[in-house]
Amino acid sequence: TPSYALNIAEVAEQMGVSLIEAPLAIGV
């Protein structure tokens, strides 16, 4: 769900993990 994807982004930022640099390219 978009709201949970936003939650994933927020927690990743808090963990210091850059999902932007990961292979992740598409969100459905």
PDB file of all heavy atoms in Angstrom:
ATOM      1  N   THR A   1       0.863  -1.176   0.000  1.00  0.00           N
ATOM      2  CA  THR A   1       0.000   0.000   0.000  1.00  0.00           C
ATOM      3  C   THR A   1       0.901   1.227   0.000  1.00  0.00           C
ATOM      4  O   THR A   1       2.018   1.191   0.539  1.00  0.00           O
ATOM      5  CB  THR A   1      -0.915   0.036   1.238  1.00  0.00           C
ATOM      6  OG1 THR A   1      -0.100   0.109   2.420  1.00  0.00           O
ATOM      7  CG2 THR A   1      -1.806  -1.193   1.309  1.00  0.00           C
ATOM      8  N   PRO A   2       0.471   2.340  -0.581  1.00  0.00           N
ATOM      9  CA  PRO A   2       1.339   3.525  -0.597  1.00  0.00           C
ATOM     10  C   PRO A   2       1.684   4.025   0.801  1.00  0.00           C
ATOM     11  O   PRO A   2       2.803   4.488   1.034  1.00  0.00           O
ATOM     12  CB  PRO A   2       0.527   4.551  -1.387  1.00  0.00           C
ATOM     13  CG  PRO A   2      -0.863   4.022  -1.463  1.00  0.00           C
ATOM     14  CD  PRO A   2      -0.769   2.549  -1.342  1.00  0.00           C
ATOM     15  N   SER A   3       0.750   3.918   1.731  1.00  0.00           N
ATOM     16  CA  SER A   3       1.038   4.394   3.088  1.00  0.00           C
ATOM     17  C   SER A   3       2.111   3.533   3.756  1.00  0.00           C
ATOM     18  O   SER A   3       2.969   4.044   4.482  1.00  0.00           O
ATOM     19  CB  SER A   3      -0.240   4.410   3.928  1.00  0.00           C
ATOM     20  OG  SER A   3      -0.860   3.141   3.943  1.00  0.00           O
ATOM     21  N   TYR A   4       2.099   2.208   3.494  1.00  0.00           N
ATOM     22  CA  TYR A   4       3.129   1.369   4.088  1.00  0.00           C
ATOM     23  C   TYR A   4       4.470   1.570   3.385  1.00  0.00           C
ATOM     24  O   TYR A   4       5.530   1.516   4.019  1.00  0.00           O
ATOM     25  CB  TYR A   4       2.728  -0.104   4.082  1.00  0.00           C
ATOM     26  CG  TYR A   4       3.698  -0.952   4.880  1.00  0.00           C
ATOM     27  CD1 TYR A   4       3.992  -0.622   6.204  1.00  0.00           C
ATOM     28  CD2 TYR A   4       4.343  -2.039   4.314  1.00  0.00           C
ATOM     29  CE1 TYR A   4       4.903  -1.372   6.946  1.00  0.00           C
ATOM     30  CE2 TYR A   4       5.245  -2.795   5.051  1.00  0.00           C
ATOM     31  CZ  TYR A   4       5.518  -2.457   6.363  1.00  0.00           C
ATOM     32  OH  TYR A   4       6.423  -3.178   7.090  1.00  0.00           O
ATOM     33  N   ALA A   5       4.445   1.816   2.076  1.00  0.00           N
ATOM     34  CA  ALA A   5       5.690   2.118   1.369  1.00  0.00           C
ATOM     35  C   ALA A   5       6.334   3.374   1.946  1.00  0.00           C
ATOM     36  O   ALA A   5       7.562   3.450   2.094  1.00  0.00           O
ATOM     37  CB  ALA A   5       5.405   2.294  -0.122  1.00  0.00           C
ATOM     38  N   LEU A   6       5.508   4.350   2.285  1.00  0.00           N
ATOM     39  CA  LEU A   6       6.021   5.564   2.909  1.00  0.00           C
ATOM     40  C   LEU A   6       6.631   5.251   4.270  1.00  0.00           C
ATOM     41  O   LEU A   6       7.683   5.793   4.647  1.00  0.00           O
ATOM     42  CB  LEU A   6       4.884   6.579   3.066  1.00  0.00           C
ATOM     43  CG  LEU A   6       5.259   7.976   3.536  1.00  0.00           C
ATOM     44  CD1 LEU A   6       6.155   8.667   2.523  1.00  0.00           C
ATOM     45  CD2 LEU A   6       3.996   8.797   3.762  1.00  0.00           C
ATOM     46  N   ASN A   7       5.995   4.351   5.007  1.00  0.00           N
ATOM     47  CA  ASN A   7       6.525   3.912   6.298  1.00  0.00           C
ATOM     48  C   ASN A   7       7.890   3.229   6.114  1.00  0.00           C
ATOM     49  O   ASN A   7       8.831   3.472   6.884  1.00  0.00           O
ATOM     50  CB  ASN A   7       5.530   2.948   6.947  1.00  0.00           C
ATOM     51  CG  ASN A   7       5.836   2.662   8.402  1.00  0.00           C
ATOM     52  OD1 ASN A   7       6.697   3.278   9.013  1.00  0.00           O
ATOM     53  ND2 ASN A   7       5.125   1.702   8.972  1.00  0.00           N
ATOM     54  N   ILE A   8       8.017   2.397   5.094  1.00  0.00           N
ATOM     55  CA  ILE A   8       9.293   1.743   4.795  1.00  0.00           C
ATOM     56  C   ILE A   8      10.374   2.787   4.515  1.00  0.00           C
ATOM     57  O   ILE A   8      11.501   2.700   5.012  1.00  0.00           O
ATOM     58  CB  ILE A   8       9.135   0.769   3.609  1.00  0.00           C
ATOM     59  CG1 ILE A   8       8.305  -0.455   4.026  1.00  0.00           C
ATOM     60  CG2 ILE A   8      10.491   0.335   3.057  1.00  0.00           C
ATOM     61  CD1 ILE A   8       7.955  -1.400   2.884  1.00  0.00           C
ATOM     62  N   ALA A   9      10.022   3.801   3.712  1.00  0.00           N
ATOM     63  CA  ALA A   9      10.995   4.851   3.387  1.00  0.00           C
ATOM     64  C   ALA A   9      11.450   5.581   4.645  1.00  0.00           C
ATOM     65  O   ALA A   9      12.647   5.853   4.827  1.00  0.00           O
ATOM     66  CB  ALA A   9      10.377   5.833   2.395  1.00  0.00           C
ATOM     67  N   GLU A  10      10.502   5.884   5.512  1.00  0.00           N
ATOM     68  CA  GLU A  10      10.807   6.625   6.733  1.00  0.00           C
ATOM     69  C   GLU A  10      11.716   5.816   7.663  1.00  0.00           C
ATOM     70  O   GLU A  10      12.711   6.335   8.190  1.00  0.00           O
ATOM     71  CB  GLU A  10       9.500   6.976   7.445  1.00  0.00           C
ATOM     72  CG  GLU A  10       9.665   7.816   8.696  1.00  0.00           C
ATOM     73  CD  GLU A  10       8.308   8.155   9.300  1.00  0.00           C
ATOM     74  OE1 GLU A  10       7.582   7.216   9.669  1.00  0.00           O
ATOM     75  OE2 GLU A  10       7.983   9.342   9.384  1.00  0.00           O
ATOM     76  N   VAL A  11      11.395   4.542   7.867  1.00  0.00           N
ATOM     77  CA  VAL A  11      12.197   3.706   8.753  1.00  0.00           C
ATOM     78  C   VAL A  11      13.598   3.502   8.170  1.00  0.00           C
ATOM     79  O   VAL A  11      14.601   3.499   8.906  1.00  0.00           O
ATOM     80  CB  VAL A  11      11.493   2.355   9.011  1.00  0.00           C
ATOM     81  CG1 VAL A  11      12.398   1.407   9.787  1.00  0.00           C
ATOM     82  CG2 VAL A  11      10.181   2.575   9.767  1.00  0.00           C
ATOM     83  N   ALA A  12      13.688   3.338   6.850  1.00  0.00           N
ATOM     84  CA  ALA A  12      15.003   3.181   6.213  1.00  0.00           C
ATOM     85  C   ALA A  12      15.873   4.405   6.469  1.00  0.00           C
ATOM     86  O   ALA A  12      17.072   4.284   6.765  1.00  0.00           O
ATOM     87  CB  ALA A  12      14.837   2.942   4.716  1.00  0.00           C
ATOM     88  N   GLU A  13      15.265   5.586   6.366  1.00  0.00           N
ATOM     89  CA  GLU A  13      16.016   6.811   6.625  1.00  0.00           C
ATOM     90  C   GLU A  13      16.495   6.855   8.071  1.00  0.00           C
ATOM     91  O   GLU A  13      17.635   7.255   8.355  1.00  0.00           O
ATOM     92  CB  GLU A  13      15.145   8.021   6.294  1.00  0.00           C
ATOM     93  CG  GLU A  13      14.904   8.191   4.793  1.00  0.00           C
ATOM     94  CD  GLU A  13      13.700   9.077   4.480  1.00  0.00           C
ATOM     95  OE1 GLU A  13      13.112   9.659   5.423  1.00  0.00           O
ATOM     96  OE2 GLU A  13      13.333   9.179   3.283  1.00  0.00           O
ATOM     97  N   GLN A  14      15.642   6.420   8.997  1.00  0.00           N
ATOM     98  CA  GLN A  14      16.032   6.394  10.407  1.00  0.00           C
ATOM     99  C   GLN A  14      17.158   5.395  10.659  1.00  0.00           C
ATOM    100  O   GLN A  14      18.000   5.600  11.535  1.00  0.00           O
ATOM    101  CB  GLN A  14      14.816   6.044  11.270  1.00  0.00           C
ATOM    102  CG  GLN A  14      13.733   7.114  11.280  1.00  0.00           C
ATOM    103  CD  GLN A  14      12.424   6.623  11.888  1.00  0.00           C
ATOM    104  OE1 GLN A  14      12.295   5.462  12.279  1.00  0.00           O
ATOM    105  NE2 GLN A  14      11.429   7.507  11.966  1.00  0.00           N
ATOM    106  N   MET A  15      17.187   4.311   9.883  1.00  0.00           N
ATOM    107  CA  MET A  15      18.234   3.293  10.017  1.00  0.00           C
ATOM    108  C   MET A  15      19.528   3.695   9.316  1.00  0.00           C
ATOM    109  O   MET A  15      20.553   3.008   9.442  1.00  0.00           O
ATOM    110  CB  MET A  15      17.741   1.960   9.438  1.00  0.00           C
ATOM    111  CG  MET A  15      16.592   1.311  10.178  1.00  0.00           C
ATOM    112  SD  MET A  15      15.871  -0.072   9.219  1.00  0.00           S
ATOM    113  CE  MET A  15      17.271  -1.206   9.075  1.00  0.00           C
ATOM    114  N   GLY A  16      19.462   4.770   8.535  1.00  0.00           N
ATOM    115  CA  GLY A  16      20.630   5.164   7.762  1.00  0.00           C
ATOM    116  C   GLY A  16      20.835   4.330   6.517  1.00  0.00           C
ATOM    117  O   GLY A  16      21.932   4.268   5.975  1.00  0.00           O
ATOM    118  N   VAL A  17      19.771   3.687   6.038  1.00  0.00           N
ATOM    119  CA  VAL A  17      19.830   2.852   4.837  1.00  0.00           C
ATOM    120  C   VAL A  17      19.319   3.665   3.647  1.00  0.00           C
ATOM    121  O   VAL A  17      18.239   4.250   3.702  1.00  0.00           O
ATOM    122  CB  VAL A  17      18.976   1.581   5.003  1.00  0.00           C
ATOM    123  CG1 VAL A  17      18.931   0.787   3.700  1.00  0.00           C
ATOM    124  CG2 VAL A  17      19.514   0.713   6.133  1.00  0.00           C
ATOM    125  N   SER A  18      20.084   3.688   2.575  1.00  0.00           N
ATOM    126  CA  SER A  18      19.688   4.437   1.380  1.00  0.00           C
ATOM    127  C   SER A  18      19.038   3.495   0.372  1.00  0.00           C
ATOM    128  O   SER A  18      19.719   2.808  -0.399  1.00  0.00           O
ATOM    129  CB  SER A  18      20.901   5.123   0.744  1.00  0.00           C
ATOM    130  OG  SER A  18      20.509   5.776  -0.452  1.00  0.00           O
ATOM    131  N   LEU A  19      17.719   3.478   0.374  1.00  0.00           N
ATOM    132  CA  LEU A  19      17.003   2.666  -0.615  1.00  0.00           C
ATOM    133  C   LEU A  19      17.150   3.247  -2.010  1.00  0.00           C
ATOM    134  O   LEU A  19      16.991   2.550  -3.013  1.00  0.00           O
ATOM    135  CB  LEU A  19      15.527   2.561  -0.231  1.00  0.00           C
ATOM    136  CG  LEU A  19      15.216   1.711   1.014  1.00  0.00           C
ATOM    137  CD1 LEU A  19      13.743   1.789   1.373  1.00  0.00           C
ATOM    138  CD2 LEU A  19      15.627   0.260   0.804  1.00  0.00           C
ATOM    139  N   ILE A  20      17.477   4.533  -2.079  1.00  0.00           N
ATOM    140  CA  ILE A  20      17.656   5.179  -3.381  1.00  0.00           C
ATOM    141  C   ILE A  20      18.829   4.540  -4.132  1.00  0.00           C
ATOM    142  O   ILE A  20      18.822   4.448  -5.362  1.00  0.00           O
ATOM    143  CB  ILE A  20      17.874   6.698  -3.193  1.00  0.00           C
ATOM    144  CG1 ILE A  20      16.593   7.345  -2.657  1.00  0.00           C
ATOM    145  CG2 ILE A  20      18.293   7.366  -4.502  1.00  0.00           C
ATOM    146  CD1 ILE A  20      16.735   8.793  -2.290  1.00  0.00           C
ATOM    147  N   GLU A  21      19.823   4.084  -3.394  1.00  0.00           N
ATOM    148  CA  GLU A  21      21.004   3.483  -4.018  1.00  0.00           C
ATOM    149  C   GLU A  21      20.839   1.981  -4.240  1.00  0.00           C
ATOM    150  O   GLU A  21      21.737   1.340  -4.797  1.00  0.00           O
ATOM    151  CB  GLU A  21      22.232   3.764  -3.148  1.00  0.00           C
ATOM    152  CG  GLU A  21      22.548   5.250  -3.029  1.00  0.00           C
ATOM    153  CD  GLU A  21      23.673   5.532  -2.046  1.00  0.00           C
ATOM    154  OE1 GLU A  21      24.328   4.562  -1.614  1.00  0.00           O
ATOM    155  OE2 GLU A  21      23.879   6.714  -1.706  1.00  0.00           O
ATOM    156  N   ALA A  22      19.721   1.410  -3.790  1.00  0.00           N
ATOM    157  CA  ALA A  22      19.461  -0.024  -3.963  1.00  0.00           C
ATOM    158  C   ALA A  22      18.947  -0.290  -5.380  1.00  0.00           C
ATOM    159  O   ALA A  22      18.592   0.634  -6.118  1.00  0.00           O
ATOM    160  CB  ALA A  22      18.437  -0.484  -2.934  1.00  0.00           C
ATOM    161  N   PRO A  23      18.870  -1.571  -5.794  1.00  0.00           N
ATOM    162  CA  PRO A  23      18.317  -1.893  -7.121  1.00  0.00           C
ATOM    163  C   PRO A  23      16.843  -1.526  -7.283  1.00  0.00           C
ATOM    164  O   PRO A  23      16.316  -1.539  -8.402  1.00  0.00           O
ATOM    165  CB  PRO A  23      18.514  -3.408  -7.217  1.00  0.00           C
ATOM    166  CG  PRO A  23      19.602  -3.731  -6.243  1.00  0.00           C
ATOM    167  CD  PRO A  23      19.428  -2.755  -5.123  1.00  0.00           C
ATOM    168  N   LEU A  24      16.154  -1.231  -6.175  1.00  0.00           N
ATOM    169  CA  LEU A  24      14.723  -0.934  -6.220  1.00  0.00           C
ATOM    170  C   LEU A  24      14.432   0.143  -7.264  1.00  0.00           C
ATOM    171  O   LEU A  24      15.011   1.231  -7.225  1.00  0.00           O
ATOM    172  CB  LEU A  24      14.267  -0.471  -4.837  1.00  0.00           C
ATOM    173  CG  LEU A  24      12.782  -0.614  -4.493  1.00  0.00           C
ATOM    174  CD1 LEU A  24      12.331  -2.064  -4.570  1.00  0.00           C
ATOM    175  CD2 LEU A  24      12.509  -0.047  -3.096  1.00  0.00           C
ATOM    176  N   ALA A  25      13.528  -0.159  -8.203  1.00  0.00           N
ATOM    177  CA  ALA A  25      13.247   0.769  -9.293  1.00  0.00           C
ATOM    178  C   ALA A  25      11.763   1.010  -9.516  1.00  0.00           C
ATOM    179  O   ALA A  25      11.375   2.034 -10.090  1.00  0.00           O
ATOM    180  CB  ALA A  25      13.860   0.238 -10.595  1.00  0.00           C
ATOM    181  N   ILE A  26      10.917   0.073  -9.062  1.00  0.00           N
ATOM    182  CA  ILE A  26       9.486   0.147  -9.372  1.00  0.00           C
ATOM    183  C   ILE A  26       8.692  -0.075  -8.094  1.00  0.00           C
ATOM    184  O   ILE A  26       9.001  -0.983  -7.314  1.00  0.00           O
ATOM    185  CB  ILE A  26       9.088  -0.914 -10.418  1.00  0.00           C
ATOM    186  CG1 ILE A  26       9.840  -0.696 -11.738  1.00  0.00           C
ATOM    187  CG2 ILE A  26       7.577  -0.912 -10.671  1.00  0.00           C
ATOM    188  CD1 ILE A  26       9.815  -1.897 -12.644  1.00  0.00           C
ATOM    189  N   GLY A  27       7.668   0.727  -7.880  1.00  0.00           N
ATOM    190  CA  GLY A  27       6.711   0.498  -6.807  1.00  0.00           C
ATOM    191  C   GLY A  27       5.337   0.284  -7.415  1.00  0.00           C
ATOM    192  O   GLY A  27       4.917   1.056  -8.283  1.00  0.00           O
ATOM    193  N   VAL A  28       4.654  -0.775  -6.994  1.00  0.00           N
ATOM    194  CA  VAL A  28       3.295  -1.048  -7.487  1.00  0.00           C
ATOM    195  C   VAL A  28       2.374  -0.927  -6.281  1.00  0.00           C
ATOM    196  O   VAL A  28       2.346  -1.803  -5.412  1.00  0.00           O
ATOM    197  CB  VAL A  28       3.190  -2.436  -8.143  1.00  0.00           C
ATOM    198  CG1 VAL A  28       1.848  -2.575  -8.854  1.00  0.00           C
ATOM    199  CG2 VAL A  28       4.325  -2.658  -9.130  1.00  0.00           C
TER     200      VAL A  28
END
